[in-house]
N, C-alpha and C. Protein backbone atom coordinates (compact mmCIF):
# COMPACT_ATOMS: atom_id res chain seq x y z
N MET A 1 -3.32 -5.68 35.76
CA MET A 1 -3.97 -6.18 34.56
C MET A 1 -2.90 -6.69 33.60
N LEU A 2 -3.12 -7.83 33.00
CA LEU A 2 -2.20 -8.46 32.08
C LEU A 2 -2.32 -7.83 30.68
N GLU A 3 -1.17 -7.41 30.11
CA GLU A 3 -1.20 -6.81 28.77
C GLU A 3 -1.30 -7.89 27.71
N ILE A 4 -2.16 -7.68 26.72
CA ILE A 4 -2.33 -8.64 25.63
C ILE A 4 -1.21 -8.43 24.62
N PRO A 5 -0.45 -9.50 24.28
CA PRO A 5 0.71 -9.34 23.40
C PRO A 5 0.38 -9.31 21.91
N TYR A 6 -0.88 -9.07 21.56
CA TYR A 6 -1.29 -9.06 20.16
C TYR A 6 -1.99 -7.76 19.82
N ARG A 7 -1.95 -7.43 18.52
CA ARG A 7 -2.70 -6.28 17.99
C ARG A 7 -3.70 -6.79 16.97
N GLU A 8 -4.88 -6.18 16.96
CA GLU A 8 -5.88 -6.47 15.94
C GLU A 8 -5.56 -5.64 14.71
N ILE A 9 -5.33 -6.29 13.59
CA ILE A 9 -5.01 -5.59 12.34
C ILE A 9 -6.20 -5.78 11.39
N PRO A 10 -6.79 -4.68 10.89
CA PRO A 10 -7.94 -4.82 10.00
C PRO A 10 -7.55 -5.40 8.64
N ILE A 11 -8.47 -6.14 8.05
CA ILE A 11 -8.31 -6.65 6.68
C ILE A 11 -9.23 -5.81 5.82
N ILE A 12 -8.63 -5.05 4.89
CA ILE A 12 -9.39 -4.12 4.07
C ILE A 12 -9.50 -4.66 2.65
N GLU A 13 -10.73 -4.77 2.19
CA GLU A 13 -10.97 -5.32 0.86
C GLU A 13 -10.95 -4.22 -0.21
N HIS A 14 -11.40 -3.05 0.16
CA HIS A 14 -11.51 -1.94 -0.80
C HIS A 14 -10.98 -0.70 -0.10
N TYR A 15 -10.06 0.00 -0.76
CA TYR A 15 -9.47 1.18 -0.13
C TYR A 15 -9.31 2.24 -1.21
N GLN A 16 -9.84 3.43 -0.96
CA GLN A 16 -9.79 4.50 -1.95
C GLN A 16 -9.74 5.85 -1.25
N ILE A 17 -9.07 6.80 -1.89
CA ILE A 17 -9.08 8.17 -1.41
C ILE A 17 -9.92 8.97 -2.39
N ASP A 18 -10.98 9.60 -1.90
CA ASP A 18 -11.86 10.34 -2.81
C ASP A 18 -11.35 11.77 -3.02
N SER A 19 -12.09 12.53 -3.77
CA SER A 19 -11.66 13.89 -4.15
C SER A 19 -11.52 14.82 -2.95
N ASN A 20 -12.15 14.51 -1.85
CA ASN A 20 -12.04 15.33 -0.64
C ASN A 20 -10.95 14.83 0.30
N SER A 21 -10.09 13.94 -0.18
CA SER A 21 -9.00 13.34 0.59
C SER A 21 -9.51 12.51 1.77
N LEU A 22 -10.73 12.06 1.69
CA LEU A 22 -11.26 11.17 2.72
C LEU A 22 -11.05 9.73 2.27
N GLN A 23 -10.76 8.89 3.21
CA GLN A 23 -10.52 7.49 2.89
C GLN A 23 -11.83 6.72 3.00
N SER A 24 -12.12 5.92 1.99
CA SER A 24 -13.25 5.02 2.10
C SER A 24 -12.70 3.61 2.09
N GLN A 25 -13.21 2.78 2.96
CA GLN A 25 -12.68 1.44 3.07
C GLN A 25 -13.77 0.48 3.47
N GLU A 26 -13.57 -0.77 3.12
CA GLU A 26 -14.48 -1.82 3.52
C GLU A 26 -13.67 -2.83 4.33
N ILE A 27 -13.92 -2.90 5.62
CA ILE A 27 -13.21 -3.83 6.48
C ILE A 27 -13.97 -5.15 6.49
N GLU A 28 -13.27 -6.21 6.10
CA GLU A 28 -13.91 -7.53 6.04
C GLU A 28 -13.69 -8.34 7.31
N GLY A 29 -12.77 -7.89 8.17
CA GLY A 29 -12.50 -8.61 9.41
C GLY A 29 -11.18 -8.15 10.00
N TYR A 30 -10.66 -8.93 10.94
CA TYR A 30 -9.42 -8.59 11.62
C TYR A 30 -8.55 -9.83 11.77
N THR A 31 -7.23 -9.61 11.83
CA THR A 31 -6.26 -10.66 12.10
C THR A 31 -5.42 -10.23 13.29
N LEU A 32 -5.07 -11.16 14.15
CA LEU A 32 -4.21 -10.86 15.29
C LEU A 32 -2.76 -11.08 14.90
N LEU A 33 -1.90 -10.10 15.23
CA LEU A 33 -0.46 -10.24 15.03
C LEU A 33 0.24 -9.91 16.33
N SER A 34 1.36 -10.55 16.56
CA SER A 34 2.14 -10.32 17.77
C SER A 34 2.67 -8.89 17.78
N LYS A 35 2.53 -8.21 18.90
CA LYS A 35 3.05 -6.85 19.04
C LYS A 35 4.56 -6.83 18.88
N SER A 36 5.25 -7.92 19.22
CA SER A 36 6.71 -7.96 19.11
C SER A 36 7.17 -7.95 17.65
N GLU A 37 6.29 -8.28 16.70
CA GLU A 37 6.64 -8.29 15.29
C GLU A 37 6.41 -6.93 14.62
N LEU A 38 5.74 -6.02 15.30
CA LEU A 38 5.33 -4.75 14.69
C LEU A 38 5.92 -3.58 15.45
N ASP A 39 6.29 -2.53 14.70
CA ASP A 39 6.65 -1.28 15.37
C ASP A 39 5.35 -0.52 15.65
N PRO A 40 5.42 0.65 16.26
CA PRO A 40 4.18 1.32 16.66
C PRO A 40 3.38 1.98 15.53
N HIS A 41 3.80 1.87 14.28
CA HIS A 41 3.05 2.47 13.17
C HIS A 41 1.70 1.79 12.98
N ASP A 42 0.85 2.46 12.19
CA ASP A 42 -0.44 1.87 11.83
C ASP A 42 -0.24 0.88 10.69
N TYR A 43 -0.94 -0.23 10.77
CA TYR A 43 -0.87 -1.27 9.76
C TYR A 43 -2.28 -1.68 9.37
N PHE A 44 -2.40 -2.28 8.18
CA PHE A 44 -3.62 -2.97 7.80
C PHE A 44 -3.25 -4.04 6.78
N PHE A 45 -4.10 -5.04 6.67
CA PHE A 45 -3.96 -6.02 5.60
C PHE A 45 -4.83 -5.55 4.45
N TRP A 46 -4.30 -5.63 3.25
CA TRP A 46 -5.07 -5.26 2.05
C TRP A 46 -5.33 -6.52 1.27
N ARG A 47 -6.59 -6.77 0.94
CA ARG A 47 -6.97 -7.94 0.14
C ARG A 47 -6.73 -7.58 -1.33
N VAL A 48 -5.81 -8.25 -1.99
CA VAL A 48 -5.41 -7.94 -3.36
C VAL A 48 -6.56 -8.28 -4.32
N PRO A 49 -7.03 -7.28 -5.12
CA PRO A 49 -8.20 -7.50 -5.97
C PRO A 49 -7.90 -8.18 -7.31
N HIS A 50 -6.62 -8.28 -7.69
CA HIS A 50 -6.26 -8.91 -8.97
C HIS A 50 -4.83 -9.44 -8.87
N ASP A 51 -4.46 -10.33 -9.78
CA ASP A 51 -3.10 -10.87 -9.78
C ASP A 51 -2.08 -9.76 -9.96
N CYS A 52 -1.00 -9.83 -9.22
CA CYS A 52 0.10 -8.87 -9.31
C CYS A 52 1.34 -9.64 -9.74
N LEU A 53 1.51 -9.76 -11.04
CA LEU A 53 2.54 -10.63 -11.60
C LEU A 53 3.94 -10.21 -11.20
N LEU A 54 4.19 -8.92 -11.07
CA LEU A 54 5.52 -8.42 -10.72
C LEU A 54 5.97 -8.95 -9.36
N PHE A 55 5.03 -9.15 -8.45
CA PHE A 55 5.36 -9.60 -7.10
C PHE A 55 4.95 -11.05 -6.84
N SER A 56 4.43 -11.74 -7.85
CA SER A 56 3.94 -13.12 -7.70
C SER A 56 2.87 -13.22 -6.62
N ILE A 57 1.98 -12.23 -6.59
CA ILE A 57 0.89 -12.20 -5.63
C ILE A 57 -0.41 -12.46 -6.39
N LYS A 58 -1.18 -13.40 -5.91
CA LYS A 58 -2.43 -13.78 -6.56
C LYS A 58 -3.62 -13.02 -5.98
N LYS A 59 -4.64 -12.90 -6.80
CA LYS A 59 -5.90 -12.30 -6.37
C LYS A 59 -6.38 -12.98 -5.09
N GLY A 60 -6.77 -12.17 -4.10
CA GLY A 60 -7.28 -12.70 -2.84
C GLY A 60 -6.25 -12.81 -1.74
N TYR A 61 -4.95 -12.72 -2.08
CA TYR A 61 -3.91 -12.75 -1.04
C TYR A 61 -4.06 -11.53 -0.15
N LYS A 62 -3.57 -11.64 1.08
CA LYS A 62 -3.54 -10.50 1.99
C LYS A 62 -2.11 -9.98 2.06
N VAL A 63 -1.95 -8.66 1.91
CA VAL A 63 -0.65 -8.00 1.97
C VAL A 63 -0.64 -7.09 3.19
N LEU A 64 0.38 -7.21 4.05
CA LEU A 64 0.49 -6.35 5.22
C LEU A 64 1.06 -5.00 4.79
N VAL A 65 0.34 -3.93 5.09
CA VAL A 65 0.72 -2.58 4.67
C VAL A 65 1.03 -1.74 5.90
N LYS A 66 2.17 -1.07 5.88
CA LYS A 66 2.55 -0.14 6.95
C LYS A 66 2.27 1.27 6.45
N MET A 67 1.48 2.02 7.21
CA MET A 67 1.14 3.39 6.81
C MET A 67 2.36 4.29 7.01
N GLN A 68 2.80 4.94 5.93
CA GLN A 68 3.92 5.88 6.01
C GLN A 68 3.85 6.82 4.82
N ASN A 69 4.55 7.95 4.91
CA ASN A 69 4.48 8.98 3.87
C ASN A 69 5.62 8.90 2.86
N TYR A 70 6.61 8.05 3.09
CA TYR A 70 7.77 8.00 2.20
C TYR A 70 8.11 6.55 1.88
N VAL A 71 8.57 6.32 0.64
CA VAL A 71 8.99 5.00 0.20
C VAL A 71 10.40 5.12 -0.36
N ASP A 72 11.28 4.24 0.07
CA ASP A 72 12.66 4.25 -0.44
C ASP A 72 12.70 3.81 -1.89
N ASN A 73 13.72 4.26 -2.62
CA ASN A 73 13.92 3.91 -4.03
C ASN A 73 13.97 2.39 -4.21
N GLY A 74 13.19 1.90 -5.18
CA GLY A 74 13.20 0.48 -5.51
C GLY A 74 12.34 -0.39 -4.61
N LYS A 75 11.61 0.23 -3.67
CA LYS A 75 10.78 -0.53 -2.73
C LYS A 75 9.34 -0.62 -3.22
N ASN A 76 8.62 -1.58 -2.67
CA ASN A 76 7.22 -1.79 -3.01
C ASN A 76 6.35 -0.89 -2.14
N ALA A 77 5.20 -0.52 -2.71
CA ALA A 77 4.28 0.34 -1.98
C ALA A 77 2.85 0.10 -2.46
N LEU A 78 1.92 0.48 -1.61
CA LEU A 78 0.52 0.54 -1.99
C LEU A 78 0.25 2.00 -2.27
N ALA A 79 -0.09 2.33 -3.50
CA ALA A 79 -0.21 3.74 -3.90
C ALA A 79 -1.64 4.09 -4.30
N PHE A 80 -1.96 5.35 -4.09
CA PHE A 80 -3.24 5.92 -4.52
C PHE A 80 -2.90 6.98 -5.56
N ILE A 81 -3.34 6.78 -6.80
CA ILE A 81 -2.96 7.67 -7.88
C ILE A 81 -4.22 8.33 -8.45
N ASN A 82 -4.26 9.67 -8.40
CA ASN A 82 -5.37 10.44 -8.96
C ASN A 82 -6.74 9.97 -8.47
N GLY A 83 -6.84 9.65 -7.19
CA GLY A 83 -8.12 9.27 -6.63
C GLY A 83 -8.59 7.87 -7.00
N GLU A 84 -7.74 7.11 -7.68
CA GLU A 84 -8.11 5.75 -8.04
C GLU A 84 -8.01 4.85 -6.82
N GLU A 85 -8.48 3.63 -7.00
CA GLU A 85 -8.33 2.65 -5.93
C GLU A 85 -6.86 2.37 -5.71
N ALA A 86 -6.56 1.83 -4.56
CA ALA A 86 -5.17 1.49 -4.23
C ALA A 86 -4.63 0.45 -5.20
N THR A 87 -3.33 0.54 -5.48
CA THR A 87 -2.68 -0.43 -6.35
C THR A 87 -1.25 -0.67 -5.87
N LEU A 88 -0.77 -1.89 -6.02
CA LEU A 88 0.61 -2.20 -5.64
C LEU A 88 1.55 -1.72 -6.73
N ILE A 89 2.65 -1.08 -6.32
CA ILE A 89 3.64 -0.57 -7.26
C ILE A 89 5.04 -0.82 -6.72
N LYS A 90 6.01 -0.70 -7.60
CA LYS A 90 7.42 -0.59 -7.22
C LYS A 90 7.79 0.83 -7.60
N LEU A 91 8.41 1.57 -6.67
CA LEU A 91 8.67 2.99 -6.86
C LEU A 91 10.16 3.24 -7.10
N TYR A 92 10.46 4.08 -8.09
CA TYR A 92 11.85 4.44 -8.40
C TYR A 92 11.96 5.96 -8.50
N TYR A 93 13.07 6.49 -7.98
CA TYR A 93 13.38 7.91 -8.12
C TYR A 93 14.48 8.02 -9.17
N GLU A 94 14.27 8.88 -10.17
CA GLU A 94 15.25 9.10 -11.22
C GLU A 94 15.35 10.58 -11.51
N GLU A 95 16.45 11.20 -11.15
CA GLU A 95 16.69 12.63 -11.37
C GLU A 95 15.47 13.46 -10.99
N ASP A 96 14.73 13.98 -11.97
CA ASP A 96 13.61 14.88 -11.68
C ASP A 96 12.25 14.20 -11.75
N LYS A 97 12.23 12.87 -11.74
CA LYS A 97 10.93 12.19 -11.85
C LYS A 97 10.85 11.00 -10.90
N ILE A 98 9.62 10.62 -10.66
CA ILE A 98 9.31 9.43 -9.88
C ILE A 98 8.62 8.46 -10.83
N ILE A 99 9.07 7.21 -10.84
CA ILE A 99 8.50 6.20 -11.72
C ILE A 99 7.74 5.19 -10.87
N LEU A 100 6.48 4.98 -11.21
CA LEU A 100 5.64 4.02 -10.52
C LEU A 100 5.42 2.83 -11.45
N GLN A 101 6.02 1.69 -11.13
CA GLN A 101 5.86 0.48 -11.93
C GLN A 101 4.76 -0.35 -11.30
N PRO A 102 3.61 -0.46 -11.97
CA PRO A 102 2.51 -1.25 -11.41
C PRO A 102 2.89 -2.72 -11.24
N ALA A 103 2.29 -3.36 -10.26
CA ALA A 103 2.55 -4.78 -10.02
C ALA A 103 2.00 -5.64 -11.15
N ASN A 104 0.97 -5.15 -11.82
CA ASN A 104 0.44 -5.84 -12.99
C ASN A 104 1.32 -5.43 -14.17
N ILE A 105 2.18 -6.33 -14.62
CA ILE A 105 3.17 -5.97 -15.65
C ILE A 105 2.55 -5.60 -16.99
N GLU A 106 1.26 -5.86 -17.15
CA GLU A 106 0.59 -5.45 -18.38
C GLU A 106 0.30 -3.95 -18.40
N ASP A 107 0.28 -3.31 -17.22
CA ASP A 107 0.04 -1.87 -17.14
C ASP A 107 1.36 -1.13 -17.33
N PRO A 108 1.36 -0.03 -18.09
CA PRO A 108 2.61 0.72 -18.30
C PRO A 108 3.02 1.48 -17.04
N PRO A 109 4.32 1.73 -16.89
CA PRO A 109 4.77 2.56 -15.77
C PRO A 109 4.21 3.97 -15.90
N ARG A 110 4.06 4.65 -14.77
CA ARG A 110 3.64 6.04 -14.75
C ARG A 110 4.81 6.88 -14.29
N MET A 111 4.99 8.02 -14.92
CA MET A 111 6.05 8.94 -14.50
C MET A 111 5.43 10.19 -13.92
N ILE A 112 5.96 10.61 -12.80
CA ILE A 112 5.51 11.84 -12.14
C ILE A 112 6.73 12.74 -12.07
N PHE A 113 6.63 13.94 -12.59
CA PHE A 113 7.75 14.87 -12.56
C PHE A 113 7.70 15.68 -11.28
N LYS A 114 8.82 15.66 -10.57
CA LYS A 114 8.91 16.38 -9.30
C LYS A 114 9.17 17.86 -9.56
N LEU A 115 8.68 18.70 -8.68
CA LEU A 115 8.99 20.12 -8.73
C LEU A 115 10.37 20.33 -8.13
N LEU A 116 11.21 21.05 -8.81
CA LEU A 116 12.57 21.28 -8.32
C LEU A 116 12.63 22.63 -7.60
N ASP A 117 13.30 22.63 -6.45
CA ASP A 117 13.49 23.89 -5.72
C ASP A 117 14.49 24.75 -6.47
N LYS A 118 14.23 26.06 -6.49
CA LYS A 118 15.16 26.99 -7.18
C LYS A 118 16.05 27.66 -6.20
């Protein structure tokens, strides 16, 4: 049997984590991407619901998201904060806090204080 060199990647219009840590999503369709361009992690396209001025991304653009639990300092991420809908951020680590700079520059940064090991 011939292996298909593409993966179906879902396009998600709405993505949220509710209070029970369950993900709710609305899949609007799928896009094919070459397997040679992707590592084995889970991916999805996220349909951006509003302009993201920090990244020059317009409402309706599709952003390829790699599912992972860690983001390097200064990198972009799709974040879920306090059960809200997903939002694009730039993440910074500073001493005892994490700073989340929203992609919409009109929104103020959020600071999260890390627990320090004793």
